[in-house]
Amino acid sequence: MVRIGPSITLQPLGVTVEARPGETVLDALLRNRLRVFHGCTRGGCGACRLRLLDGAVTFGRYSKGALDDDERARGLFLSCICVPEGDVVISLLEPHESRFPRWMRKR
């Protein structure tokens, strides 16, 4: 099988999918029927945040309210606006790190 784009391995599931050239991480995951939480899909809400474990991504424009500099330094990224530069390994966030909208949280 000939690869067209970079691979994205999602931990802890160990599932690997292939991204198309220029495709965002979120689009590649959704196209391959992996359900990951997301919201606005434009870098504004932060709901699609994941952790980059290995590799690099190119960031598009996003709101600092969705991902601050400290979070980015700790390896978090917005899957809706980031394109893998090559093969990447990513992971879901721990529940306390995610930004589910307030209306989705238990009261």
PDB file of N, CA and C in Angstrom:
ATOM      1  N   MET A   1       0.832  -1.185   0.000  1.00  0.00           N
ATOM      2  CA  MET A   1       0.000   0.000   0.000  1.00  0.00           C
ATOM      3  C   MET A   1       0.878   1.251   0.000  1.00  0.00           C
ATOM      4  N   VAL A   2       0.590   2.160  -0.871  1.00  0.00           N
ATOM      5  CA  VAL A   2       1.338   3.401  -0.991  1.00  0.00           C
ATOM      6  C   VAL A   2       0.696   4.451  -0.104  1.00  0.00           C
ATOM      7  N   ARG A   3       1.515   5.066   0.738  1.00  0.00           N
ATOM      8  CA  ARG A   3       1.004   6.126   1.606  1.00  0.00           C
ATOM      9  C   ARG A   3       0.991   7.440   0.860  1.00  0.00           C
ATOM     10  N   ILE A   4      -0.049   8.208   1.110  1.00  0.00           N
ATOM     11  CA  ILE A   4      -0.190   9.517   0.485  1.00  0.00           C
ATOM     12  C   ILE A   4       0.217  10.622   1.454  1.00  0.00           C
ATOM     13  N   GLY A   5      -0.166  10.482   2.722  1.00  0.00           N
ATOM     14  CA  GLY A   5       0.099  11.522   3.710  1.00  0.00           C
ATOM     15  C   GLY A   5       0.652  10.945   4.991  1.00  0.00           C
ATOM     16  N   PRO A   6       0.835  11.800   5.973  1.00  0.00           N
ATOM     17  CA  PRO A   6       1.392  11.367   7.248  1.00  0.00           C
ATOM     18  C   PRO A   6       0.414  10.491   8.035  1.00  0.00           C
ATOM     19  N   SER A   7       0.972   9.659   8.898  1.00  0.00           N
ATOM     20  CA  SER A   7       0.128   8.838   9.768  1.00  0.00           C
ATOM     21  C   SER A   7      -0.105   9.572  11.083  1.00  0.00           C
ATOM     22  N   ILE A   8      -1.274   9.327  11.644  1.00  0.00           N
ATOM     23  CA  ILE A   8      -1.654   9.879  12.947  1.00  0.00           C
ATOM     24  C   ILE A   8      -2.011   8.694  13.827  1.00  0.00           C
ATOM     25  N   THR A   9      -1.248   8.495  14.891  1.00  0.00           N
ATOM     26  CA  THR A   9      -1.539   7.417  15.832  1.00  0.00           C
ATOM     27  C   THR A   9      -2.162   8.016  17.068  1.00  0.00           C
ATOM     28  N   LEU A  10      -3.355   7.548  17.401  1.00  0.00           N
ATOM     29  CA  LEU A  10      -4.114   8.059  18.542  1.00  0.00           C
ATOM     30  C   LEU A  10      -3.954   7.117  19.727  1.00  0.00           C
ATOM     31  N   GLN A  11      -3.357   7.632  20.793  1.00  0.00           N
ATOM     32  CA  GLN A  11      -3.184   6.867  22.027  1.00  0.00           C
ATOM     33  C   GLN A  11      -4.260   7.281  23.024  1.00  0.00           C
ATOM     34  N   PRO A  12      -4.709   6.502  23.929  1.00  0.00           N
ATOM     35  CA  PRO A  12      -4.212   5.171  24.268  1.00  0.00           C
ATOM     36  C   PRO A  12      -4.828   4.069  23.421  1.00  0.00           C
ATOM     37  N   LEU A  13      -5.601   4.415  22.388  1.00  0.00           N
ATOM     38  CA  LEU A  13      -6.266   3.409  21.573  1.00  0.00           C
ATOM     39  C   LEU A  13      -5.303   2.633  20.692  1.00  0.00           C
ATOM     40  N   GLY A  14      -4.192   3.260  20.294  1.00  0.00           N
ATOM     41  CA  GLY A  14      -3.241   2.609  19.411  1.00  0.00           C
ATOM     42  C   GLY A  14      -3.727   2.517  17.978  1.00  0.00           C
ATOM     43  N   VAL A  15      -4.710   3.327  17.622  1.00  0.00           N
ATOM     44  CA  VAL A  15      -5.269   3.336  16.277  1.00  0.00           C
ATOM     45  C   VAL A  15      -4.461   4.313  15.425  1.00  0.00           C
ATOM     46  N   THR A  16      -4.115   3.883  14.203  1.00  0.00           N
ATOM     47  CA  THR A  16      -3.377   4.743  13.280  1.00  0.00           C
ATOM     48  C   THR A  16      -4.211   4.977  12.034  1.00  0.00           C
ATOM     49  N   VAL A  17      -4.295   6.251  11.632  1.00  0.00           N
ATOM     50  CA  VAL A  17      -4.996   6.629  10.406  1.00  0.00           C
ATOM     51  C   VAL A  17      -4.035   7.455   9.559  1.00  0.00           C
ATOM     52  N   GLU A  18      -4.376   7.610   8.304  1.00  0.00           N
ATOM     53  CA  GLU A  18      -3.558   8.406   7.398  1.00  0.00           C
ATOM     54  C   GLU A  18      -4.256   9.727   7.102  1.00  0.00           C
ATOM     55  N   ALA A  19      -3.488  10.794   7.187  1.00  0.00           N
ATOM     56  CA  ALA A  19      -4.018  12.114   6.833  1.00  0.00           C
ATOM     57  C   ALA A  19      -3.721  12.391   5.363  1.00  0.00           C
ATOM     58  N   ARG A  20      -4.613  13.091   4.731  1.00  0.00           N
ATOM     59  CA  ARG A  20      -4.366  13.542   3.370  1.00  0.00           C
ATOM     60  C   ARG A  20      -3.454  14.769   3.431  1.00  0.00           C
ATOM     61  N   PRO A  21      -2.706  15.046   2.394  1.00  0.00           N
ATOM     62  CA  PRO A  21      -1.847  16.240   2.409  1.00  0.00           C
ATOM     63  C   PRO A  21      -2.658  17.500   2.705  1.00  0.00           C
ATOM     64  N   GLY A  22      -2.215  18.271   3.687  1.00  0.00           N
ATOM     65  CA  GLY A  22      -2.886  19.514   4.056  1.00  0.00           C
ATOM     66  C   GLY A  22      -4.117  19.349   4.927  1.00  0.00           C
ATOM     67  N   GLU A  23      -4.476  18.132   5.268  1.00  0.00           N
ATOM     68  CA  GLU A  23      -5.671  17.868   6.069  1.00  0.00           C
ATOM     69  C   GLU A  23      -5.371  18.067   7.555  1.00  0.00           C
ATOM     70  N   THR A  24      -6.310  18.668   8.270  1.00  0.00           N
ATOM     71  CA  THR A  24      -6.111  18.848   9.709  1.00  0.00           C
ATOM     72  C   THR A  24      -6.223  17.507  10.422  1.00  0.00           C
ATOM     73  N   VAL A  25      -5.681  17.463  11.627  1.00  0.00           N
ATOM     74  CA  VAL A  25      -5.758  16.252  12.439  1.00  0.00           C
ATOM     75  C   VAL A  25      -7.213  15.878  12.694  1.00  0.00           C
ATOM     76  N   LEU A  26      -8.037  16.859  13.054  1.00  0.00           N
ATOM     77  CA  LEU A  26      -9.448  16.578  13.329  1.00  0.00           C
ATOM     78  C   LEU A  26     -10.151  16.010  12.097  1.00  0.00           C
ATOM     79  N   ASP A  27      -9.950  16.617  10.948  1.00  0.00           N
ATOM     80  CA  ASP A  27     -10.602  16.130   9.730  1.00  0.00           C
ATOM     81  C   ASP A  27     -10.187  14.699   9.417  1.00  0.00           C
ATOM     82  N   ALA A  28      -8.907  14.377   9.596  1.00  0.00           N
ATOM     83  CA  ALA A  28      -8.434  13.014   9.332  1.00  0.00           C
ATOM     84  C   ALA A  28      -9.065  12.017  10.301  1.00  0.00           C
ATOM     85  N   LEU A  29      -9.154  12.384  11.573  1.00  0.00           N
ATOM     86  CA  LEU A  29      -9.764  11.492  12.562  1.00  0.00           C
ATOM     87  C   LEU A  29     -11.234  11.260  12.251  1.00  0.00           C
ATOM     88  N   LEU A  30     -11.962  12.326  11.972  1.00  0.00           N
ATOM     89  CA  LEU A  30     -13.392  12.204  11.690  1.00  0.00           C
ATOM     90  C   LEU A  30     -13.648  11.440  10.384  1.00  0.00           C
ATOM     91  N   ARG A  31     -12.822  11.699   9.374  1.00  0.00           N
ATOM     92  CA  ARG A  31     -12.988  10.989   8.097  1.00  0.00           C
ATOM     93  C   ARG A  31     -12.804   9.483   8.271  1.00  0.00           C
ATOM     94  N   ASN A  32     -11.984   9.107   9.247  1.00  0.00           N
ATOM     95  CA  ASN A  32     -11.736   7.696   9.525  1.00  0.00           C
ATOM     96  C   ASN A  32     -12.641   7.150  10.632  1.00  0.00           C
ATOM     97  N   ARG A  33     -13.740   7.859  10.890  1.00  0.00           N
ATOM     98  CA  ARG A  33     -14.789   7.450  11.821  1.00  0.00           C
ATOM     99  C   ARG A  33     -14.329   7.294  13.272  1.00  0.00           C
ATOM    100  N   LEU A  34     -13.360   8.108  13.654  1.00  0.00           N
ATOM    101  CA  LEU A  34     -12.960   8.162  15.053  1.00  0.00           C
ATOM    102  C   LEU A  34     -13.691   9.337  15.685  1.00  0.00           C
ATOM    103  N   ARG A  35     -14.371   9.058  16.753  1.00  0.00           N
ATOM    104  CA  ARG A  35     -15.147  10.107  17.418  1.00  0.00           C
ATOM    105  C   ARG A  35     -14.275  10.811  18.446  1.00  0.00           C
ATOM    106  N   VAL A  36     -14.027  12.069  18.196  1.00  0.00           N
ATOM    107  CA  VAL A  36     -13.307  12.905  19.146  1.00  0.00           C
ATOM    108  C   VAL A  36     -14.139  14.163  19.348  1.00  0.00           C
ATOM    109  N   PHE A  37     -14.104  14.679  20.555  1.00  0.00           N
ATOM    110  CA  PHE A  37     -14.904  15.850  20.868  1.00  0.00           C
ATOM    111  C   PHE A  37     -14.367  17.050  20.107  1.00  0.00           C
ATOM    112  N   HIS A  38     -15.271  17.847  19.576  1.00  0.00           N
ATOM    113  CA  HIS A  38     -14.895  19.079  18.895  1.00  0.00           C
ATOM    114  C   HIS A  38     -16.081  20.037  18.934  1.00  0.00           C
ATOM    115  N   GLY A  39     -15.805  21.271  18.634  1.00  0.00           N
ATOM    116  CA  GLY A  39     -16.856  22.285  18.674  1.00  0.00           C
ATOM    117  C   GLY A  39     -16.874  23.119  17.415  1.00  0.00           C
ATOM    118  N   CYS A  40     -16.289  24.293  17.492  1.00  0.00           N
ATOM    119  CA  CYS A  40     -16.421  25.289  16.422  1.00  0.00           C
ATOM    120  C   CYS A  40     -15.674  24.920  15.137  1.00  0.00           C
ATOM    121  N   THR A  41     -14.640  24.130  15.227  1.00  0.00           N
ATOM    122  CA  THR A  41     -13.762  23.714  14.114  1.00  0.00           C
ATOM    123  C   THR A  41     -13.008  24.870  13.459  1.00  0.00           C
ATOM    124  N   ARG A  42     -12.852  25.978  14.186  1.00  0.00           N
ATOM    125  CA  ARG A  42     -12.142  27.145  13.645  1.00  0.00           C
ATOM    126  C   ARG A  42     -11.087  27.702  14.602  1.00  0.00           C
ATOM    127  N   GLY A  43     -10.728  26.954  15.635  1.00  0.00           N
ATOM    128  CA  GLY A  43      -9.703  27.427  16.560  1.00  0.00           C
ATOM    129  C   GLY A  43     -10.189  28.433  17.580  1.00  0.00           C
ATOM    130  N   GLY A  44     -11.497  28.460  17.824  1.00  0.00           N
ATOM    131  CA  GLY A  44     -12.040  29.456  18.731  1.00  0.00           C
ATOM    132  C   GLY A  44     -12.487  28.950  20.078  1.00  0.00           C
ATOM    133  N   CYS A  45     -12.807  27.660  20.195  1.00  0.00           N
ATOM    134  CA  CYS A  45     -13.421  27.194  21.445  1.00  0.00           C
ATOM    135  C   CYS A  45     -12.510  26.316  22.315  1.00  0.00           C
ATOM    136  N   GLY A  46     -11.563  25.621  21.728  1.00  0.00           N
ATOM    137  CA  GLY A  46     -10.659  24.770  22.505  1.00  0.00           C
ATOM    138  C   GLY A  46     -11.191  23.385  22.809  1.00  0.00           C
ATOM    139  N   ALA A  47     -12.367  23.056  22.322  1.00  0.00           N
ATOM    140  CA  ALA A  47     -12.959  21.748  22.630  1.00  0.00           C
ATOM    141  C   ALA A  47     -12.197  20.593  21.988  1.00  0.00           C
ATOM    142  N   CYS A  48     -11.503  20.834  20.899  1.00  0.00           N
ATOM    143  CA  CYS A  48     -10.832  19.768  20.146  1.00  0.00           C
ATOM    144  C   CYS A  48      -9.378  19.552  20.570  1.00  0.00           C
ATOM    145  N   ARG A  49      -8.993  20.091  21.716  1.00  0.00           N
ATOM    146  CA  ARG A  49      -7.596  20.005  22.150  1.00  0.00           C
ATOM    147  C   ARG A  49      -7.168  18.558  22.353  1.00  0.00           C
ATOM    148  N   LEU A  50      -5.982  18.251  21.875  1.00  0.00           N
ATOM    149  CA  LEU A  50      -5.345  16.955  22.070  1.00  0.00           C
ATOM    150  C   LEU A  50      -3.901  17.212  22.472  1.00  0.00           C
ATOM    151  N   ARG A  51      -3.186  16.141  22.823  1.00  0.00           N
ATOM    152  CA  ARG A  51      -1.778  16.271  23.209  1.00  0.00           C
ATOM    153  C   ARG A  51      -0.897  15.659  22.125  1.00  0.00           C
ATOM    154  N   LEU A  52       0.142  16.375  21.740  1.00  0.00           N
ATOM    155  CA  LEU A  52       1.118  15.887  20.775  1.00  0.00           C
ATOM    156  C   LEU A  52       2.226  15.172  21.539  1.00  0.00           C
ATOM    157  N   LEU A  53       2.353  13.865  21.324  1.00  0.00           N
ATOM    158  CA  LEU A  53       3.364  13.067  22.015  1.00  0.00           C
ATOM    159  C   LEU A  53       4.657  12.951  21.203  1.00  0.00           C
ATOM    160  N   ASP A  54       4.511  12.905  19.878  1.00  0.00           N
ATOM    161  CA  ASP A  54       5.688  12.761  19.020  1.00  0.00           C
ATOM    162  C   ASP A  54       5.359  13.346  17.652  1.00  0.00           C
ATOM    163  N   GLY A  55       6.346  13.974  17.039  1.00  0.00           N
ATOM    164  CA  GLY A  55       6.149  14.592  15.739  1.00  0.00           C
ATOM    165  C   GLY A  55       5.878  16.075  15.886  1.00  0.00           C
ATOM    166  N   ALA A  56       5.439  16.683  14.795  1.00  0.00           N
ATOM    167  CA  ALA A  56       5.194  18.127  14.792  1.00  0.00           C
ATOM    168  C   ALA A  56       3.955  18.435  13.963  1.00  0.00           C
ATOM    169  N   VAL A  57       3.293  19.520  14.325  1.00  0.00           N
ATOM    170  CA  VAL A  57       2.123  20.000  13.586  1.00  0.00           C
ATOM    171  C   VAL A  57       2.317  21.470  13.253  1.00  0.00           C
ATOM    172  N   THR A  58       1.705  21.892  12.166  1.00  0.00           N
ATOM    173  CA  THR A  58       1.697  23.297  11.787  1.00  0.00           C
ATOM    174  C   THR A  58       0.405  23.902  12.317  1.00  0.00           C
ATOM    175  N   PHE A  59       0.543  24.973  13.071  1.00  0.00           N
ATOM    176  CA  PHE A  59      -0.616  25.651  13.640  1.00  0.00           C
ATOM    177  C   PHE A  59      -1.192  26.651  12.658  1.00  0.00           C
ATOM    178  N   GLY A  60      -2.501  26.671  12.551  1.00  0.00           N
ATOM    179  CA  GLY A  60      -3.194  27.727  11.827  1.00  0.00           C
ATOM    180  C   GLY A  60      -3.536  28.830  12.819  1.00  0.00           C
ATOM    181  N   ARG A  61      -4.373  29.750  12.421  1.00  0.00           N
ATOM    182  CA  ARG A  61      -4.801  30.833  13.309  1.00  0.00           C
ATOM    183  C   ARG A  61      -5.771  30.307  14.344  1.00  0.00           C
ATOM    184  N   TYR A  62      -5.610  30.777  15.576  1.00  0.00           N
ATOM    185  CA  TYR A  62      -6.499  30.356  16.650  1.00  0.00           C
ATOM    186  C   TYR A  62      -6.556  31.414  17.738  1.00  0.00           C
ATOM    187  N   SER A  63      -7.561  31.290  18.583  1.00  0.00           N
ATOM    188  CA  SER A  63      -7.759  32.211  19.697  1.00  0.00           C
ATOM    189  C   SER A  63      -6.896  31.788  20.877  1.00  0.00           C
ATOM    190  N   LYS A  64      -6.226  32.749  21.512  1.00  0.00           N
ATOM    191  CA  LYS A  64      -5.444  32.457  22.722  1.00  0.00           C
ATOM    192  C   LYS A  64      -6.357  32.004  23.860  1.00  0.00           C
ATOM    193  N   GLY A  65      -7.638  32.309  23.765  1.00  0.00           N
ATOM    194  CA  GLY A  65      -8.593  31.813  24.750  1.00  0.00           C
ATOM    195  C   GLY A  65      -8.855  30.326  24.595  1.00  0.00           C
ATOM    196  N   ALA A  66      -8.637  29.800  23.399  1.00  0.00           N
ATOM    197  CA  ALA A  66      -8.842  28.374  23.142  1.00  0.00           C
ATOM    198  C   ALA A  66      -7.616  27.558  23.516  1.00  0.00           C
ATOM    199  N   LEU A  67      -6.437  28.158  23.429  1.00  0.00           N
ATOM    200  CA  LEU A  67      -5.183  27.478  23.757  1.00  0.00           C
ATOM    201  C   LEU A  67      -4.169  28.537  24.136  1.00  0.00           C
ATOM    202  N   ASP A  68      -3.786  28.564  25.415  1.00  0.00           N
ATOM    203  CA  ASP A  68      -2.831  29.593  25.816  1.00  0.00           C
ATOM    204  C   ASP A  68      -1.393  29.102  25.612  1.00  0.00           C
ATOM    205  N   ASP A  69      -0.435  29.998  25.789  1.00  0.00           N
ATOM    206  CA  ASP A  69       0.968  29.678  25.536  1.00  0.00           C
ATOM    207  C   ASP A  69       1.479  28.559  26.438  1.00  0.00           C
ATOM    208  N   ASP A  70       1.051  28.529  27.693  1.00  0.00           N
ATOM    209  CA  ASP A  70       1.481  27.483  28.626  1.00  0.00           C
ATOM    210  C   ASP A  70       0.979  26.111  28.173  1.00  0.00           C
ATOM    211  N   GLU A  71      -0.264  26.043  27.746  1.00  0.00           N
ATOM    212  CA  GLU A  71      -0.828  24.778  27.266  1.00  0.00           C
ATOM    213  C   GLU A  71      -0.094  24.310  26.008  1.00  0.00           C
ATOM    214  N   ARG A  72       0.176  25.242  25.117  1.00  0.00           N
ATOM    215  CA  ARG A  72       0.905  24.882  23.888  1.00  0.00           C
ATOM    216  C   ARG A  72       2.308  24.385  24.222  1.00  0.00           C
ATOM    217  N   ALA A  73       2.963  25.005  25.195  1.00  0.00           N
ATOM    218  CA  ALA A  73       4.296  24.569  25.612  1.00  0.00           C
ATOM    219  C   ALA A  73       4.264  23.170  26.226  1.00  0.00           C
ATOM    220  N   ARG A  74       3.130  22.787  26.804  1.00  0.00           N
ATOM    221  CA  ARG A  74       2.983  21.451  27.386  1.00  0.00           C
ATOM    222  C   ARG A  74       2.543  20.402  26.355  1.00  0.00           C
ATOM    223  N   GLY A  75       2.498  20.789  25.083  1.00  0.00           N
ATOM    224  CA  GLY A  75       2.207  19.833  24.024  1.00  0.00           C
ATOM    225  C   GLY A  75       0.765  19.763  23.584  1.00  0.00           C
ATOM    226  N   LEU A  76      -0.095  20.621  24.135  1.00  0.00           N
ATOM    227  CA  LEU A  76      -1.479  20.612  23.694  1.00  0.00           C
ATOM    228  C   LEU A  76      -1.601  21.359  22.366  1.00  0.00           C
ATOM    229  N   PHE A  77      -2.550  20.921  21.538  1.00  0.00           N
ATOM    230  CA  PHE A  77      -2.788  21.591  20.268  1.00  0.00           C
ATOM    231  C   PHE A  77      -4.260  21.479  19.909  1.00  0.00           C
ATOM    232  N   LEU A  78      -4.692  22.329  19.017  1.00  0.00           N
ATOM    233  CA  LEU A  78      -6.077  22.324  18.548  1.00  0.00           C
ATOM    234  C   LEU A  78      -6.141  21.486  17.279  1.00  0.00           C
ATOM    235  N   SER A  79      -6.790  20.348  17.363  1.00  0.00           N
ATOM    236  CA  SER A  79      -6.802  19.424  16.230  1.00  0.00           C
ATOM    237  C   SER A  79      -7.551  19.981  15.027  1.00  0.00           C
ATOM    238  N   CYS A  80      -8.421  20.959  15.238  1.00  0.00           N
ATOM    239  CA  CYS A  80      -9.213  21.498  14.126  1.00  0.00           C
ATOM    240  C   CYS A  80      -8.419  22.404  13.198  1.00  0.00           C
ATOM    241  N   ILE A  81      -7.289  22.952  13.674  1.00  0.00           N
ATOM    242  CA  ILE A  81      -6.540  23.884  12.838  1.00  0.00           C
ATOM    243  C   ILE A  81      -5.102  23.440  12.600  1.00  0.00           C
ATOM    244  N   CYS A  82      -4.712  22.319  13.189  1.00  0.00           N
ATOM    245  CA  CYS A  82      -3.329  21.855  13.057  1.00  0.00           C
ATOM    246  C   CYS A  82      -3.202  20.754  12.016  1.00  0.00           C
ATOM    247  N   VAL A  83      -2.185  20.891  11.178  1.00  0.00           N
ATOM    248  CA  VAL A  83      -1.901  19.936  10.115  1.00  0.00           C
ATOM    249  C   VAL A  83      -0.598  19.225  10.476  1.00  0.00           C
ATOM    250  N   PRO A  84      -0.577  17.882  10.441  1.00  0.00           N
ATOM    251  CA  PRO A  84       0.666  17.175  10.770  1.00  0.00           C
ATOM    252  C   PRO A  84       1.751  17.460   9.728  1.00  0.00           C
ATOM    253  N   GLU A  85       2.977  17.708  10.211  1.00  0.00           N
ATOM    254  CA  GLU A  85       4.118  17.955   9.317  1.00  0.00           C
ATOM    255  C   GLU A  85       4.738  16.648   8.838  1.00  0.00           C
ATOM    256  N   GLY A  86       4.414  15.573   9.499  1.00  0.00           N
ATOM    257  CA  GLY A  86       4.898  14.226   9.201  1.00  0.00           C
ATOM    258  C   GLY A  86       4.115  13.288  10.094  1.00  0.00           C
ATOM    259  N   ASP A  87       4.624  12.087  10.290  1.00  0.00           N
ATOM    260  CA  ASP A  87       3.942  11.151  11.173  1.00  0.00           C
ATOM    261  C   ASP A  87       3.901  11.723  12.588  1.00  0.00           C
ATOM    262  N   VAL A  88       2.750  11.597  13.238  1.00  0.00           N
ATOM    263  CA  VAL A  88       2.583  12.104  14.601  1.00  0.00           C
ATOM    264  C   VAL A  88       1.930  11.046  15.475  1.00  0.00           C
ATOM    265  N   VAL A  89       2.204  11.167  16.775  1.00  0.00           N
ATOM    266  CA  VAL A  89       1.525  10.371  17.795  1.00  0.00           C
ATOM    267  C   VAL A  89       0.851  11.372  18.712  1.00  0.00           C
ATOM    268  N   ILE A  90      -0.441  11.193  18.912  1.00  0.00           N
ATOM    269  CA  ILE A  90      -1.222  12.118  19.727  1.00  0.00           C
ATOM    270  C   ILE A  90      -1.986  11.337  20.781  1.00  0.00           C
ATOM    271  N   SER A  91      -2.495  12.049  21.774  1.00  0.00           N
ATOM    272  CA  SER A  91      -3.306  11.369  22.784  1.00  0.00           C
ATOM    273  C   SER A  91      -4.485  12.232  23.185  1.00  0.00           C
ATOM    274  N   LEU A  92      -5.479  11.543  23.677  1.00  0.00           N
ATOM    275  CA  LEU A  92      -6.620  12.221  24.267  1.00  0.00           C
ATOM    276  C   LEU A  92      -6.162  12.874  25.553  1.00  0.00           C
ATOM    277  N   LEU A  93      -6.895  13.861  26.020  1.00  0.00           N
ATOM    278  CA  LEU A  93      -6.543  14.540  27.265  1.00  0.00           C
ATOM    279  C   LEU A  93      -7.202  13.854  28.446  1.00  0.00           C
ATOM    280  N   GLU A  94      -6.634  14.074  29.601  1.00  0.00           N
ATOM    281  CA  GLU A  94      -7.264  13.637  30.837  1.00  0.00           C
ATOM    282  C   GLU A  94      -8.511  14.495  31.042  1.00  0.00           C
ATOM    283  N   PRO A  95      -9.543  13.967  31.690  1.00  0.00           N
ATOM    284  CA  PRO A  95     -10.786  14.742  31.859  1.00  0.00           C
ATOM    285  C   PRO A  95     -10.577  16.140  32.447  1.00  0.00           C
ATOM    286  N   HIS A  96      -9.656  16.287  33.396  1.00  0.00           N
ATOM    287  CA  HIS A  96      -9.454  17.606  34.011  1.00  0.00           C
ATOM    288  C   HIS A  96      -8.772  18.594  33.056  1.00  0.00           C
ATOM    289  N   GLU A  97      -8.190  18.118  31.955  1.00  0.00           N
ATOM    290  CA  GLU A  97      -7.530  18.997  30.998  1.00  0.00           C
ATOM    291  C   GLU A  97      -8.455  19.454  29.874  1.00  0.00           C
ATOM    292  N   SER A  98      -9.552  18.758  29.690  1.00  0.00           N
ATOM    293  CA  SER A  98     -10.425  19.064  28.562  1.00  0.00           C
ATOM    294  C   SER A  98     -11.267  20.293  28.861  1.00  0.00           C
ATOM    295  N   ARG A  99     -11.789  20.865  27.800  1.00  0.00           N
ATOM    296  CA  ARG A  99     -12.607  22.069  27.924  1.00  0.00           C
ATOM    297  C   ARG A  99     -14.005  21.811  27.404  1.00  0.00           C
ATOM    298  N   PHE A 100     -14.672  20.855  28.010  1.00  0.00           N
ATOM    299  CA  PHE A 100     -16.050  20.630  27.619  1.00  0.00           C
ATOM    300  C   PHE A 100     -16.853  21.863  28.006  1.00  0.00           C
ATOM    301  N   PRO A 101     -17.761  22.269  27.164  1.00  0.00           N
ATOM    302  CA  PRO A 101     -18.581  23.430  27.506  1.00  0.00           C
ATOM    303  C   PRO A 101     -19.288  23.215  28.840  1.00  0.00           C
ATOM    304  N   ARG A 102     -19.482  24.302  29.559  1.00  0.00           N
ATOM    305  CA  ARG A 102     -20.099  24.220  30.885  1.00  0.00           C
ATOM    306  C   ARG A 102     -21.443  23.497  30.862  1.00  0.00           C
ATOM    307  N   TRP A 103     -22.219  23.673  29.796  1.00  0.00           N
ATOM    308  CA  TRP A 103     -23.543  23.062  29.755  1.00  0.00           C
ATOM    309  C   TRP A 103     -23.467  21.549  29.617  1.00  0.00           C
ATOM    310  N   MET A 104     -22.289  20.996  29.294  1.00  0.00           N
ATOM    311  CA  MET A 104     -22.157  19.548  29.171  1.00  0.00           C
ATOM    312  C   MET A 104     -21.639  18.897  30.450  1.00  0.00           C
ATOM    313  N   ARG A 105     -21.191  19.703  31.385  1.00  0.00           N
ATOM    314  CA  ARG A 105     -20.668  19.159  32.636  1.00  0.00           C
ATOM    315  C   ARG A 105     -21.785  18.783  33.587  1.00  0.00           C
ATOM    316  N   LYS A 106     -21.514  17.795  34.415  1.00  0.00           N
ATOM    317  CA  LYS A 106     -22.496  17.432  35.441  1.00  0.00           C
ATOM    318  C   LYS A 106     -22.586  18.570  36.433  1.00  0.00           C
ATOM    319  N   ARG A 107     -23.765  18.787  36.945  1.00  0.00           N
ATOM    320  CA  ARG A 107     -23.954  19.885  37.921  1.00  0.00           C
ATOM    321  C   ARG A 107     -24.084  19.335  39.298  1.00  0.00           C
TER     322      ARG A 107
END
